[in-house]
Amino acid sequence: MFFRSQESGVRSQEKERRKKERKKERRKKEEEEEERKSTNHQSPITNHQLPITQQFPTNQKPDR
């Protein structure tokens, strides 16, 4: 009985730790998102803003 209660205590500690880590990661992601939004108007061109032909560079010649 003693071992089982000790084990569940350890397990709940791990659960708490994981929850905190997840919370930290979520907060970090949200901060990065806010930063991206605030600097968006002056940001350099990212891949999804390029015309579709530049998004997928290939060695094939355009079929015009």
PDB file of N, CA and C in Angstrom:
ATOM      1  N   MET A   1       0.833  -1.198   0.000  1.00  0.00           N
ATOM      2  CA  MET A   1       0.000   0.000   0.000  1.00  0.00           C
ATOM      3  C   MET A   1       0.875   1.258   0.000  1.00  0.00           C
ATOM      4  N   PHE A   2       1.906   1.228   0.799  1.00  0.00           N
ATOM      5  CA  PHE A   2       2.753   2.415   0.909  1.00  0.00           C
ATOM      6  C   PHE A   2       3.349   2.800  -0.440  1.00  0.00           C
ATOM      7  N   PHE A   3       3.838   1.794  -1.169  1.00  0.00           N
ATOM      8  CA  PHE A   3       4.491   2.078  -2.447  1.00  0.00           C
ATOM      9  C   PHE A   3       3.505   2.697  -3.435  1.00  0.00           C
ATOM     10  N   ARG A   4       2.287   2.172  -3.447  1.00  0.00           N
ATOM     11  CA  ARG A   4       1.305   2.661  -4.399  1.00  0.00           C
ATOM     12  C   ARG A   4       1.010   4.142  -4.166  1.00  0.00           C
ATOM     13  N   SER A   5       0.836   4.540  -2.904  1.00  0.00           N
ATOM     14  CA  SER A   5       0.527   5.942  -2.618  1.00  0.00           C
ATOM     15  C   SER A   5       1.713   6.832  -3.003  1.00  0.00           C
ATOM     16  N   GLN A   6       2.906   6.345  -2.750  1.00  0.00           N
ATOM     17  CA  GLN A   6       4.095   7.115  -3.120  1.00  0.00           C
ATOM     18  C   GLN A   6       4.149   7.282  -4.644  1.00  0.00           C
ATOM     19  N   GLU A   7       3.850   6.202  -5.362  1.00  0.00           N
ATOM     20  CA  GLU A   7       3.906   6.227  -6.811  1.00  0.00           C
ATOM     21  C   GLU A   7       2.912   7.241  -7.366  1.00  0.00           C
ATOM     22  N   SER A   8       1.700   7.238  -6.832  1.00  0.00           N
ATOM     23  CA  SER A   8       0.690   8.167  -7.348  1.00  0.00           C
ATOM     24  C   SER A   8       1.101   9.609  -7.052  1.00  0.00           C
ATOM     25  N   GLY A   9       1.783   9.826  -5.923  1.00  0.00           N
ATOM     26  CA  GLY A   9       2.268  11.166  -5.621  1.00  0.00           C
ATOM     27  C   GLY A   9       3.271  11.629  -6.663  1.00  0.00           C
ATOM     28  N   VAL A  10       4.196  10.739  -7.015  1.00  0.00           N
ATOM     29  CA  VAL A  10       5.195  11.064  -8.036  1.00  0.00           C
ATOM     30  C   VAL A  10       4.502  11.354  -9.361  1.00  0.00           C
ATOM     31  N   ARG A  11       3.503  10.510  -9.674  1.00  0.00           N
ATOM     32  CA  ARG A  11       2.801  10.671 -10.935  1.00  0.00           C
ATOM     33  C   ARG A  11       2.102  12.021 -10.987  1.00  0.00           C
ATOM     34  N   SER A  12       1.463  12.433  -9.895  1.00  0.00           N
ATOM     35  CA  SER A  12       0.765  13.715  -9.906  1.00  0.00           C
ATOM     36  C   SER A  12       1.765  14.870 -10.005  1.00  0.00           C
ATOM     37  N   GLN A  13       2.942  14.691  -9.399  1.00  0.00           N
ATOM     38  CA  GLN A  13       3.967  15.729  -9.535  1.00  0.00           C
ATOM     39  C   GLN A  13       4.384  15.880 -10.992  1.00  0.00           C
ATOM     40  N   GLU A  14       4.578  14.742 -11.670  1.00  0.00           N
ATOM     41  CA  GLU A  14       4.951  14.796 -13.089  1.00  0.00           C
ATOM     42  C   GLU A  14       3.857  15.475 -13.893  1.00  0.00           C
ATOM     43  N   LYS A  15       2.622  15.140 -13.576  1.00  0.00           N
ATOM     44  CA  LYS A  15       1.484  15.728 -14.287  1.00  0.00           C
ATOM     45  C   LYS A  15       1.501  17.247 -14.119  1.00  0.00           C
ATOM     46  N   GLU A  16       1.701  17.706 -12.877  1.00  0.00           N
ATOM     47  CA  GLU A  16       1.760  19.142 -12.604  1.00  0.00           C
ATOM     48  C   GLU A  16       2.885  19.800 -13.403  1.00  0.00           C
ATOM     49  N   ARG A  17       4.046  19.145 -13.394  1.00  0.00           N
ATOM     50  CA  ARG A  17       5.204  19.698 -14.089  1.00  0.00           C
ATOM     51  C   ARG A  17       4.905  19.825 -15.581  1.00  0.00           C
ATOM     52  N   ARG A  18       4.307  18.771 -16.163  1.00  0.00           N
ATOM     53  CA  ARG A  18       3.976  18.813 -17.585  1.00  0.00           C
ATOM     54  C   ARG A  18       2.979  19.921 -17.875  1.00  0.00           C
ATOM     55  N   LYS A  19       2.009  20.067 -16.959  1.00  0.00           N
ATOM     56  CA  LYS A  19       0.997  21.106 -17.150  1.00  0.00           C
ATOM     57  C   LYS A  19       1.664  22.484 -17.172  1.00  0.00           C
ATOM     58  N   LYS A  20       2.604  22.699 -16.241  1.00  0.00           N
ATOM     59  CA  LYS A  20       3.304  23.980 -16.179  1.00  0.00           C
ATOM     60  C   LYS A  20       4.112  24.211 -17.453  1.00  0.00           C
ATOM     61  N   GLU A  21       4.801  23.159 -17.919  1.00  0.00           N
ATOM     62  CA  GLU A  21       5.610  23.292 -19.139  1.00  0.00           C
ATOM     63  C   GLU A  21       4.724  23.656 -20.324  1.00  0.00           C
ATOM     64  N   ARG A  22       3.584  22.971 -20.413  1.00  0.00           N
ATOM     65  CA  ARG A  22       2.662  23.252 -21.512  1.00  0.00           C
ATOM     66  C   ARG A  22       2.174  24.693 -21.442  1.00  0.00           C
ATOM     67  N   LYS A  23       1.875  25.148 -20.225  1.00  0.00           N
ATOM     68  CA  LYS A  23       1.407  26.515 -20.030  1.00  0.00           C
ATOM     69  C   LYS A  23       2.480  27.495 -20.500  1.00  0.00           C
ATOM     70  N   LYS A  24       3.737  27.224 -20.117  1.00  0.00           N
ATOM     71  CA  LYS A  24       4.853  28.075 -20.517  1.00  0.00           C
ATOM     72  C   LYS A  24       4.964  28.134 -22.040  1.00  0.00           C
ATOM     73  N   GLU A  25       4.900  26.957 -22.673  1.00  0.00           N
ATOM     74  CA  GLU A  25       5.019  26.905 -24.130  1.00  0.00           C
ATOM     75  C   GLU A  25       3.893  27.693 -24.789  1.00  0.00           C
ATOM     76  N   ARG A  26       2.666  27.531 -24.260  1.00  0.00           N
ATOM     77  CA  ARG A  26       1.525  28.240 -24.835  1.00  0.00           C
ATOM     78  C   ARG A  26       1.729  29.742 -24.705  1.00  0.00           C
ATOM     79  N   ARG A  27       2.211  30.182 -23.516  1.00  0.00           N
ATOM     80  CA  ARG A  27       2.430  31.607 -23.303  1.00  0.00           C
ATOM     81  C   ARG A  27       3.479  32.128 -24.280  1.00  0.00           C
ATOM     82  N   LYS A  28       4.545  31.344 -24.469  1.00  0.00           N
ATOM     83  CA  LYS A  28       5.609  31.750 -25.386  1.00  0.00           C
ATOM     84  C   LYS A  28       5.051  31.896 -26.804  1.00  0.00           C
ATOM     85  N   LYS A  29       4.244  30.912 -27.229  1.00  0.00           N
ATOM     86  CA  LYS A  29       3.652  30.965 -28.568  1.00  0.00           C
ATOM     87  C   LYS A  29       2.786  32.202 -28.719  1.00  0.00           C
ATOM     88  N   GLU A  30       1.983  32.488 -27.686  1.00  0.00           N
ATOM     89  CA  GLU A  30       1.100  33.654 -27.757  1.00  0.00           C
ATOM     90  C   GLU A  30       1.919  34.936 -27.850  1.00  0.00           C
ATOM     91  N   GLU A  31       3.009  35.019 -27.083  1.00  0.00           N
ATOM     92  CA  GLU A  31       3.856  36.210 -27.145  1.00  0.00           C
ATOM     93  C   GLU A  31       4.458  36.365 -28.532  1.00  0.00           C
ATOM     94  N   GLU A  32       4.930  35.249 -29.110  1.00  0.00           N
ATOM     95  CA  GLU A  32       5.496  35.319 -30.458  1.00  0.00           C
ATOM     96  C   GLU A  32       4.439  35.765 -31.454  1.00  0.00           C
ATOM     97  N   GLU A  33       3.208  35.270 -31.294  1.00  0.00           N
ATOM     98  CA  GLU A  33       2.109  35.646 -32.178  1.00  0.00           C
ATOM     99  C   GLU A  33       1.852  37.154 -32.077  1.00  0.00           C
ATOM    100  N   GLU A  34       1.800  37.667 -30.841  1.00  0.00           N
ATOM    101  CA  GLU A  34       1.581  39.102 -30.645  1.00  0.00           C
ATOM    102  C   GLU A  34       2.698  39.901 -31.302  1.00  0.00           C
ATOM    103  N   GLU A  35       3.943  39.436 -31.100  1.00  0.00           N
ATOM    104  CA  GLU A  35       5.086  40.128 -31.690  1.00  0.00           C
ATOM    105  C   GLU A  35       4.959  40.161 -33.205  1.00  0.00           C
ATOM    106  N   ARG A  36       4.579  39.012 -33.785  1.00  0.00           N
ATOM    107  CA  ARG A  36       4.423  38.933 -35.231  1.00  0.00           C
ATOM    108  C   ARG A  36       3.356  39.914 -35.707  1.00  0.00           C
ATOM    109  N   LYS A  37       2.239  39.982 -34.975  1.00  0.00           N
ATOM    110  CA  LYS A  37       1.162  40.889 -35.379  1.00  0.00           C
ATOM    111  C   LYS A  37       1.615  42.336 -35.302  1.00  0.00           C
ATOM    112  N   SER A  38       2.364  42.680 -34.254  1.00  0.00           N
ATOM    113  CA  SER A  38       2.758  44.072 -34.073  1.00  0.00           C
ATOM    114  C   SER A  38       3.813  44.494 -35.098  1.00  0.00           C
ATOM    115  N   THR A  39       4.648  43.559 -35.550  1.00  0.00           N
ATOM    116  CA  THR A  39       5.689  43.915 -36.513  1.00  0.00           C
ATOM    117  C   THR A  39       5.288  43.539 -37.935  1.00  0.00           C
ATOM    118  N   ASN A  40       4.040  43.111 -38.105  1.00  0.00           N
ATOM    119  CA  ASN A  40       3.624  42.563 -39.394  1.00  0.00           C
ATOM    120  C   ASN A  40       3.702  43.600 -40.504  1.00  0.00           C
ATOM    121  N   HIS A  41       3.333  44.851 -40.227  1.00  0.00           N
ATOM    122  CA  HIS A  41       3.278  45.853 -41.286  1.00  0.00           C
ATOM    123  C   HIS A  41       4.655  46.200 -41.837  1.00  0.00           C
ATOM    124  N   GLN A  42       5.720  45.927 -41.067  1.00  0.00           N
ATOM    125  CA  GLN A  42       7.050  46.245 -41.569  1.00  0.00           C
ATOM    126  C   GLN A  42       7.900  44.999 -41.779  1.00  0.00           C
ATOM    127  N   SER A  43       7.257  43.832 -41.729  1.00  0.00           N
ATOM    128  CA  SER A  43       8.028  42.598 -41.847  1.00  0.00           C
ATOM    129  C   SER A  43       8.461  42.357 -43.288  1.00  0.00           C
ATOM    130  N   PRO A  44       9.597  41.704 -43.471  1.00  0.00           N
ATOM    131  CA  PRO A  44      10.013  41.328 -44.817  1.00  0.00           C
ATOM    132  C   PRO A  44       9.048  40.315 -45.410  1.00  0.00           C
ATOM    133  N   ILE A  45       9.087  40.158 -46.697  1.00  0.00           N
ATOM    134  CA  ILE A  45       8.167  39.243 -47.367  1.00  0.00           C
ATOM    135  C   ILE A  45       8.440  37.819 -46.909  1.00  0.00           C
ATOM    136  N   THR A  46       7.399  37.155 -46.438  1.00  0.00           N
ATOM    137  CA  THR A  46       7.528  35.751 -46.070  1.00  0.00           C
ATOM    138  C   THR A  46       7.004  34.897 -47.211  1.00  0.00           C
ATOM    139  N   ASN A  47       7.231  33.605 -47.077  1.00  0.00           N
ATOM    140  CA  ASN A  47       6.947  32.698 -48.186  1.00  0.00           C
ATOM    141  C   ASN A  47       5.495  32.746 -48.640  1.00  0.00           C
ATOM    142  N   HIS A  48       4.552  32.812 -47.705  1.00  0.00           N
ATOM    143  CA  HIS A  48       3.142  32.749 -48.117  1.00  0.00           C
ATOM    144  C   HIS A  48       2.667  34.047 -48.765  1.00  0.00           C
ATOM    145  N   GLN A  49       3.496  35.098 -48.710  1.00  0.00           N
ATOM    146  CA  GLN A  49       3.112  36.346 -49.356  1.00  0.00           C
ATOM    147  C   GLN A  49       3.615  36.420 -50.798  1.00  0.00           C
ATOM    148  N   LEU A  50       4.492  35.502 -51.156  1.00  0.00           N
ATOM    149  CA  LEU A  50       5.042  35.517 -52.507  1.00  0.00           C
ATOM    150  C   LEU A  50       4.004  35.031 -53.508  1.00  0.00           C
ATOM    151  N   PRO A  51       4.143  35.455 -54.755  1.00  0.00           N
ATOM    152  CA  PRO A  51       3.295  34.865 -55.793  1.00  0.00           C
ATOM    153  C   PRO A  51       3.532  33.359 -55.874  1.00  0.00           C
ATOM    154  N   ILE A  52       2.529  32.652 -56.341  1.00  0.00           N
ATOM    155  CA  ILE A  52       2.574  31.188 -56.243  1.00  0.00           C
ATOM    156  C   ILE A  52       3.733  30.588 -57.029  1.00  0.00           C
ATOM    157  N   THR A  53       4.200  31.254 -58.073  1.00  0.00           N
ATOM    158  CA  THR A  53       5.301  30.697 -58.870  1.00  0.00           C
ATOM    159  C   THR A  53       6.609  30.716 -58.094  1.00  0.00           C
ATOM    160  N   GLN A  54       6.773  31.692 -57.197  1.00  0.00           N
ATOM    161  CA  GLN A  54       8.010  31.747 -56.420  1.00  0.00           C
ATOM    162  C   GLN A  54       7.948  30.844 -55.189  1.00  0.00           C
ATOM    163  N   GLN A  55       6.748  30.459 -54.800  1.00  0.00           N
ATOM    164  CA  GLN A  55       6.618  29.595 -53.625  1.00  0.00           C
ATOM    165  C   GLN A  55       7.188  28.219 -53.880  1.00  0.00           C
ATOM    166  N   PHE A  56       7.034  27.705 -55.076  1.00  0.00           N
ATOM    167  CA  PHE A  56       7.483  26.365 -55.387  1.00  0.00           C
ATOM    168  C   PHE A  56       8.515  26.424 -56.504  1.00  0.00           C
ATOM    169  N   PRO A  57       9.747  26.789 -56.189  1.00  0.00           N
ATOM    170  CA  PRO A  57      10.758  26.879 -57.239  1.00  0.00           C
ATOM    171  C   PRO A  57      11.054  25.496 -57.811  1.00  0.00           C
ATOM    172  N   THR A  58      10.985  25.387 -59.115  1.00  0.00           N
ATOM    173  CA  THR A  58      11.288  24.109 -59.760  1.00  0.00           C
ATOM    174  C   THR A  58      12.255  24.358 -60.901  1.00  0.00           C
ATOM    175  N   ASN A  59      12.812  23.299 -61.415  1.00  0.00           N
ATOM    176  CA  ASN A  59      13.736  23.418 -62.531  1.00  0.00           C
ATOM    177  C   ASN A  59      13.006  23.413 -63.870  1.00  0.00           C
ATOM    178  N   GLN A  60      11.701  23.185 -63.825  1.00  0.00           N
ATOM    179  CA  GLN A  60      10.946  23.133 -65.069  1.00  0.00           C
ATOM    180  C   GLN A  60      10.726  24.538 -65.624  1.00  0.00           C
ATOM    181  N   LYS A  61      10.715  24.633 -66.931  1.00  0.00           N
ATOM    182  CA  LYS A  61      10.433  25.914 -67.565  1.00  0.00           C
ATOM    183  C   LYS A  61       8.918  26.143 -67.564  1.00  0.00           C
ATOM    184  N   PRO A  62       8.483  27.380 -67.443  1.00  0.00           N
ATOM    185  CA  PRO A  62       7.035  27.639 -67.505  1.00  0.00           C
ATOM    186  C   PRO A  62       6.478  27.235 -68.868  1.00  0.00           C
ATOM    187  N   ASP A  63       5.290  26.657 -68.875  1.00  0.00           N
ATOM    188  CA  ASP A  63       4.744  26.140 -70.130  1.00  0.00           C
ATOM    189  C   ASP A  63       3.928  27.205 -70.878  1.00  0.00           C
ATOM    190  N   ARG A  64       4.555  28.333 -71.101  1.00  0.00           N
ATOM    191  CA  ARG A  64       3.906  29.406 -71.865  1.00  0.00           C
ATOM    192  C   ARG A  64       4.345  29.334 -73.301  1.00  0.00           C
TER     193      ARG A  64
END
